[in-house]
Amino acid sequence: VQLVESGGGLVQPGGSLRLSCRASGFTVSAYGMSWHRQVPGKERELVAYISSAGVNTDYADSVKGRFTISRDNAKNTVFLQMNSLKPEDTAVYYCKRHGVVYWGRGTQVTVSS
């Protein structure tokens, strides 16, 4: 099982990024998947979740209306579309598989002018 995040980078406030989490060794449609983020000195926090059926999603209050989690079963990949980015969104973003838990290694997102 492997999760590989990509798509992070430096973006100005108000900009957008789309993160990808490419999975291997299992089928993403069979598991709940989520994105989390962490800044130094703070605990990792849940950003967005999508159920195995893809019907249910959930978001942290701080990102509701700005971030969207989705899944492409054909690509076995989970995405996080991030719009209207703010400096406080700066963090390392991690992908997580639920059930027997696996984490990716993360991708850095920096929002700064």
N, C-alpha and C. Protein backbone atom coordinates (compact mmCIF):
# COMPACT_ATOMS: atom_id res chain seq x y z
N VAL A 1 0.85 -1.19 0.00
CA VAL A 1 0.00 0.00 0.00
C VAL A 1 0.88 1.24 0.00
N GLN A 2 0.53 2.18 -0.87
CA GLN A 2 1.30 3.42 -0.93
C GLN A 2 0.36 4.57 -1.30
N LEU A 3 0.59 5.72 -0.66
CA LEU A 3 -0.12 6.96 -0.98
C LEU A 3 0.92 8.01 -1.31
N VAL A 4 0.79 8.64 -2.46
CA VAL A 4 1.76 9.65 -2.88
C VAL A 4 1.02 10.94 -3.19
N GLU A 5 1.31 11.97 -2.39
CA GLU A 5 0.70 13.28 -2.59
C GLU A 5 1.54 14.12 -3.55
N SER A 6 0.86 14.98 -4.27
CA SER A 6 1.54 15.93 -5.16
C SER A 6 0.65 17.14 -5.35
N GLY A 7 1.21 18.19 -5.96
CA GLY A 7 0.43 19.37 -6.28
C GLY A 7 0.64 20.55 -5.36
N GLY A 8 1.42 20.36 -4.30
CA GLY A 8 1.69 21.47 -3.41
C GLY A 8 2.62 22.48 -4.05
N GLY A 9 2.80 23.60 -3.35
CA GLY A 9 3.69 24.64 -3.86
C GLY A 9 3.42 25.96 -3.20
N LEU A 10 3.98 27.00 -3.79
CA LEU A 10 3.82 28.37 -3.29
C LEU A 10 2.74 29.06 -4.12
N VAL A 11 1.79 29.68 -3.44
CA VAL A 11 0.69 30.38 -4.11
C VAL A 11 0.38 31.65 -3.35
N GLN A 12 -0.08 32.67 -4.06
CA GLN A 12 -0.45 33.92 -3.41
C GLN A 12 -1.81 33.81 -2.75
N PRO A 13 -2.05 34.61 -1.72
CA PRO A 13 -3.39 34.63 -1.11
C PRO A 13 -4.47 34.86 -2.16
N GLY A 14 -5.56 34.12 -2.04
CA GLY A 14 -6.64 34.19 -3.02
C GLY A 14 -6.49 33.22 -4.17
N GLY A 15 -5.34 32.59 -4.27
CA GLY A 15 -5.09 31.66 -5.36
C GLY A 15 -5.65 30.28 -5.10
N SER A 16 -5.36 29.36 -6.04
CA SER A 16 -5.89 28.00 -5.97
C SER A 16 -4.77 26.98 -6.20
N LEU A 17 -4.98 25.82 -5.63
CA LEU A 17 -4.13 24.65 -5.87
C LEU A 17 -5.02 23.43 -5.87
N ARG A 18 -4.58 22.40 -6.62
CA ARG A 18 -5.26 21.11 -6.55
C ARG A 18 -4.24 20.06 -6.14
N LEU A 19 -4.47 19.44 -4.99
CA LEU A 19 -3.61 18.37 -4.50
C LEU A 19 -4.13 17.03 -5.01
N SER A 20 -3.20 16.13 -5.29
CA SER A 20 -3.55 14.78 -5.72
C SER A 20 -2.95 13.77 -4.75
N CYS A 21 -3.66 12.70 -4.53
CA CYS A 21 -3.18 11.58 -3.71
C CYS A 21 -3.36 10.31 -4.54
N ARG A 22 -2.28 9.85 -5.13
CA ARG A 22 -2.34 8.65 -5.97
C ARG A 22 -2.09 7.43 -5.10
N ALA A 23 -3.02 6.50 -5.17
CA ALA A 23 -2.95 5.29 -4.34
C ALA A 23 -2.49 4.10 -5.16
N SER A 24 -1.78 3.21 -4.51
CA SER A 24 -1.41 1.94 -5.12
C SER A 24 -1.50 0.85 -4.06
N GLY A 25 -1.78 -0.36 -4.50
CA GLY A 25 -1.88 -1.48 -3.58
C GLY A 25 -3.28 -1.70 -3.02
N PHE A 26 -4.20 -0.81 -3.35
CA PHE A 26 -5.59 -0.97 -2.93
C PHE A 26 -6.45 -0.07 -3.82
N THR A 27 -7.76 -0.23 -3.69
CA THR A 27 -8.71 0.55 -4.49
C THR A 27 -9.33 1.64 -3.63
N VAL A 28 -9.15 2.90 -4.02
CA VAL A 28 -9.61 4.01 -3.17
C VAL A 28 -11.11 3.99 -2.98
N SER A 29 -11.85 3.45 -3.94
CA SER A 29 -13.31 3.45 -3.81
C SER A 29 -13.80 2.52 -2.71
N ALA A 30 -12.94 1.67 -2.20
CA ALA A 30 -13.34 0.74 -1.15
C ALA A 30 -13.11 1.28 0.26
N TYR A 31 -12.54 2.47 0.34
CA TYR A 31 -12.16 3.01 1.65
C TYR A 31 -12.57 4.47 1.79
N GLY A 32 -12.87 4.87 3.04
CA GLY A 32 -12.94 6.29 3.32
C GLY A 32 -11.55 6.88 3.19
N MET A 33 -11.47 8.08 2.63
CA MET A 33 -10.20 8.74 2.42
C MET A 33 -10.31 10.17 2.94
N SER A 34 -9.20 10.72 3.39
CA SER A 34 -9.24 12.08 3.92
C SER A 34 -7.94 12.81 3.67
N TRP A 35 -8.02 14.12 3.76
CA TRP A 35 -6.86 15.01 3.74
C TRP A 35 -6.73 15.64 5.12
N HIS A 36 -5.50 15.75 5.56
CA HIS A 36 -5.17 16.37 6.84
C HIS A 36 -4.03 17.36 6.59
N ARG A 37 -3.83 18.26 7.54
CA ARG A 37 -2.69 19.17 7.42
C ARG A 37 -2.06 19.39 8.79
N GLN A 38 -0.80 19.78 8.74
CA GLN A 38 -0.05 19.97 9.98
C GLN A 38 0.96 21.09 9.80
N VAL A 39 1.04 21.94 10.81
CA VAL A 39 2.09 22.97 10.87
C VAL A 39 2.99 22.64 12.05
N PRO A 40 4.23 23.07 12.01
CA PRO A 40 5.16 22.74 13.10
C PRO A 40 4.63 23.18 14.46
N GLY A 41 4.72 22.27 15.42
CA GLY A 41 4.31 22.58 16.77
C GLY A 41 2.83 22.37 17.05
N LYS A 42 2.09 21.98 16.02
CA LYS A 42 0.65 21.76 16.20
C LYS A 42 0.29 20.34 15.78
N GLU A 43 -0.86 19.88 16.28
CA GLU A 43 -1.33 18.55 15.93
C GLU A 43 -1.86 18.55 14.49
N ARG A 44 -1.77 17.37 13.88
CA ARG A 44 -2.34 17.20 12.54
C ARG A 44 -3.86 17.31 12.64
N GLU A 45 -4.46 18.06 11.72
CA GLU A 45 -5.90 18.26 11.78
C GLU A 45 -6.57 17.78 10.50
N LEU A 46 -7.81 17.30 10.67
CA LEU A 46 -8.61 16.88 9.52
C LEU A 46 -9.04 18.09 8.71
N VAL A 47 -8.88 17.99 7.40
CA VAL A 47 -9.32 19.04 6.48
C VAL A 47 -10.58 18.62 5.75
N ALA A 48 -10.58 17.42 5.18
CA ALA A 48 -11.72 16.96 4.39
C ALA A 48 -11.75 15.45 4.36
N TYR A 49 -12.96 14.91 4.26
CA TYR A 49 -13.17 13.45 4.26
C TYR A 49 -14.17 13.09 3.17
N ILE A 50 -13.93 11.94 2.53
CA ILE A 50 -14.90 11.41 1.57
C ILE A 50 -15.11 9.94 1.89
N SER A 51 -16.38 9.53 1.92
CA SER A 51 -16.70 8.16 2.28
C SER A 51 -16.35 7.21 1.14
N SER A 52 -16.36 5.92 1.46
CA SER A 52 -16.00 4.92 0.47
C SER A 52 -16.95 4.94 -0.73
N ALA A 53 -18.21 5.22 -0.47
CA ALA A 53 -19.19 5.28 -1.56
C ALA A 53 -19.12 6.60 -2.31
N GLY A 54 -18.40 7.55 -1.72
CA GLY A 54 -18.29 8.86 -2.35
C GLY A 54 -19.50 9.74 -2.17
N VAL A 55 -20.47 9.26 -1.39
CA VAL A 55 -21.71 10.01 -1.21
C VAL A 55 -21.54 11.08 -0.14
N ASN A 56 -20.83 10.72 0.90
CA ASN A 56 -20.68 11.62 2.04
C ASN A 56 -19.32 12.30 2.04
N THR A 57 -19.35 13.60 2.28
CA THR A 57 -18.12 14.36 2.47
C THR A 57 -18.27 15.20 3.73
N ASP A 58 -17.14 15.59 4.30
CA ASP A 58 -17.15 16.41 5.50
C ASP A 58 -15.92 17.30 5.46
N TYR A 59 -16.06 18.50 6.01
CA TYR A 59 -14.97 19.48 5.95
C TYR A 59 -14.78 20.16 7.29
N ALA A 60 -13.55 20.55 7.56
CA ALA A 60 -13.29 21.41 8.70
C ALA A 60 -13.99 22.75 8.46
N ASP A 61 -14.48 23.35 9.53
CA ASP A 61 -15.19 24.63 9.40
C ASP A 61 -14.32 25.67 8.70
N SER A 62 -13.03 25.61 8.94
CA SER A 62 -12.12 26.63 8.41
C SER A 62 -11.97 26.57 6.89
N VAL A 63 -12.38 25.46 6.26
CA VAL A 63 -12.21 25.33 4.81
C VAL A 63 -13.52 25.16 4.07
N LYS A 64 -14.64 25.08 4.79
CA LYS A 64 -15.94 24.90 4.13
C LYS A 64 -16.21 26.03 3.14
N GLY A 65 -16.67 25.65 1.97
CA GLY A 65 -16.96 26.63 0.93
C GLY A 65 -15.75 26.99 0.09
N ARG A 66 -14.56 26.57 0.51
CA ARG A 66 -13.33 26.90 -0.24
C ARG A 66 -12.64 25.65 -0.80
N PHE A 67 -12.71 24.55 -0.05
CA PHE A 67 -12.04 23.31 -0.45
C PHE A 67 -13.07 22.27 -0.86
N THR A 68 -12.69 21.42 -1.81
CA THR A 68 -13.56 20.34 -2.25
C THR A 68 -12.74 19.06 -2.40
N ILE A 69 -13.20 18.00 -1.75
CA ILE A 69 -12.55 16.69 -1.88
C ILE A 69 -13.32 15.88 -2.92
N SER A 70 -12.58 15.15 -3.74
CA SER A 70 -13.22 14.31 -4.75
C SER A 70 -12.33 13.11 -5.03
N ARG A 71 -12.86 12.22 -5.85
CA ARG A 71 -12.14 10.98 -6.11
C ARG A 71 -12.35 10.58 -7.56
N ASP A 72 -11.29 10.12 -8.21
CA ASP A 72 -11.37 9.57 -9.57
C ASP A 72 -11.03 8.09 -9.47
N ASN A 73 -12.04 7.26 -9.51
CA ASN A 73 -11.81 5.82 -9.33
C ASN A 73 -10.96 5.23 -10.45
N ALA A 74 -11.14 5.74 -11.66
CA ALA A 74 -10.36 5.21 -12.78
C ALA A 74 -8.87 5.48 -12.61
N LYS A 75 -8.54 6.62 -11.99
CA LYS A 75 -7.14 6.96 -11.73
C LYS A 75 -6.68 6.52 -10.36
N ASN A 76 -7.60 5.96 -9.57
CA ASN A 76 -7.30 5.54 -8.20
C ASN A 76 -6.64 6.68 -7.41
N THR A 77 -7.23 7.83 -7.53
CA THR A 77 -6.64 9.06 -6.98
C THR A 77 -7.72 9.88 -6.27
N VAL A 78 -7.31 10.49 -5.17
CA VAL A 78 -8.16 11.41 -4.43
C VAL A 78 -7.59 12.81 -4.60
N PHE A 79 -8.48 13.79 -4.75
CA PHE A 79 -8.06 15.17 -4.99
C PHE A 79 -8.55 16.08 -3.88
N LEU A 80 -7.86 17.19 -3.72
CA LEU A 80 -8.32 18.27 -2.86
C LEU A 80 -8.16 19.56 -3.65
N GLN A 81 -9.29 20.11 -4.09
CA GLN A 81 -9.28 21.40 -4.76
C GLN A 81 -9.36 22.49 -3.70
N MET A 82 -8.39 23.38 -3.71
CA MET A 82 -8.32 24.43 -2.70
C MET A 82 -8.40 25.78 -3.40
N ASN A 83 -9.44 26.52 -3.10
CA ASN A 83 -9.65 27.84 -3.68
C ASN A 83 -9.61 28.90 -2.59
N SER A 84 -9.47 30.15 -3.00
CA SER A 84 -9.45 31.28 -2.06
C SER A 84 -8.50 31.02 -0.91
N LEU A 85 -7.30 30.60 -1.24
CA LEU A 85 -6.34 30.22 -0.21
C LEU A 85 -5.92 31.41 0.64
N LYS A 86 -5.68 31.11 1.91
CA LYS A 86 -5.29 32.11 2.89
C LYS A 86 -3.92 31.73 3.48
N PRO A 87 -3.20 32.71 4.02
CA PRO A 87 -1.90 32.38 4.64
C PRO A 87 -2.03 31.31 5.72
N GLU A 88 -3.14 31.28 6.43
CA GLU A 88 -3.31 30.28 7.49
C GLU A 88 -3.55 28.88 6.95
N ASP A 89 -3.69 28.72 5.64
CA ASP A 89 -3.77 27.40 5.04
C ASP A 89 -2.39 26.79 4.83
N THR A 90 -1.35 27.56 5.08
CA THR A 90 0.01 27.05 4.93
C THR A 90 0.25 25.88 5.87
N ALA A 91 0.70 24.76 5.32
CA ALA A 91 0.91 23.54 6.10
C ALA A 91 1.44 22.45 5.18
N VAL A 92 1.83 21.35 5.79
CA VAL A 92 2.06 20.13 5.03
C VAL A 92 0.74 19.36 4.99
N TYR A 93 0.33 18.97 3.80
CA TYR A 93 -0.95 18.29 3.61
C TYR A 93 -0.69 16.80 3.38
N TYR A 94 -1.43 15.98 4.12
CA TYR A 94 -1.28 14.54 4.09
C TYR A 94 -2.57 13.86 3.64
N CYS A 95 -2.41 12.79 2.92
CA CYS A 95 -3.52 11.94 2.52
C CYS A 95 -3.57 10.74 3.46
N LYS A 96 -4.78 10.30 3.80
CA LYS A 96 -4.95 9.19 4.73
C LYS A 96 -5.99 8.21 4.20
N ARG A 97 -5.66 6.92 4.34
CA ARG A 97 -6.64 5.88 4.08
C ARG A 97 -7.22 5.43 5.42
N HIS A 98 -8.52 5.33 5.53
CA HIS A 98 -9.16 4.86 6.75
C HIS A 98 -9.23 3.34 6.75
N GLY A 99 -9.82 2.75 7.83
CA GLY A 99 -9.79 1.30 8.01
C GLY A 99 -8.45 0.95 8.62
N VAL A 100 -7.72 0.09 7.98
CA VAL A 100 -6.31 -0.09 8.34
C VAL A 100 -5.60 1.16 7.80
N VAL A 101 -5.12 1.99 8.74
CA VAL A 101 -4.70 3.34 8.38
C VAL A 101 -3.34 3.35 7.69
N TYR A 102 -3.31 4.11 6.60
CA TYR A 102 -2.04 4.43 5.94
C TYR A 102 -2.01 5.93 5.68
N TRP A 103 -0.80 6.49 5.74
CA TRP A 103 -0.58 7.91 5.47
C TRP A 103 0.40 8.06 4.31
N GLY A 104 0.21 9.13 3.56
CA GLY A 104 1.22 9.52 2.62
C GLY A 104 2.31 10.32 3.32
N ARG A 105 3.31 10.75 2.56
CA ARG A 105 4.44 11.47 3.15
C ARG A 105 4.23 12.98 3.15
N GLY A 106 3.18 13.44 2.50
CA GLY A 106 2.82 14.85 2.57
C GLY A 106 3.36 15.69 1.43
N THR A 107 2.70 16.84 1.24
CA THR A 107 3.14 17.82 0.26
C THR A 107 2.96 19.20 0.88
N GLN A 108 3.96 20.06 0.69
CA GLN A 108 3.97 21.37 1.33
C GLN A 108 3.13 22.35 0.53
N VAL A 109 2.25 23.06 1.23
CA VAL A 109 1.48 24.16 0.65
C VAL A 109 1.85 25.44 1.41
N THR A 110 2.31 26.44 0.67
CA THR A 110 2.67 27.71 1.26
C THR A 110 1.87 28.81 0.58
N VAL A 111 1.13 29.57 1.37
CA VAL A 111 0.32 30.68 0.86
C VAL A 111 0.94 31.98 1.37
N SER A 112 1.52 32.72 0.45
CA SER A 112 2.25 33.92 0.85
C SER A 112 2.38 34.85 -0.34
N SER A 113 2.40 36.14 -0.05
CA SER A 113 2.63 37.13 -1.10
C SER A 113 4.10 37.51 -1.18
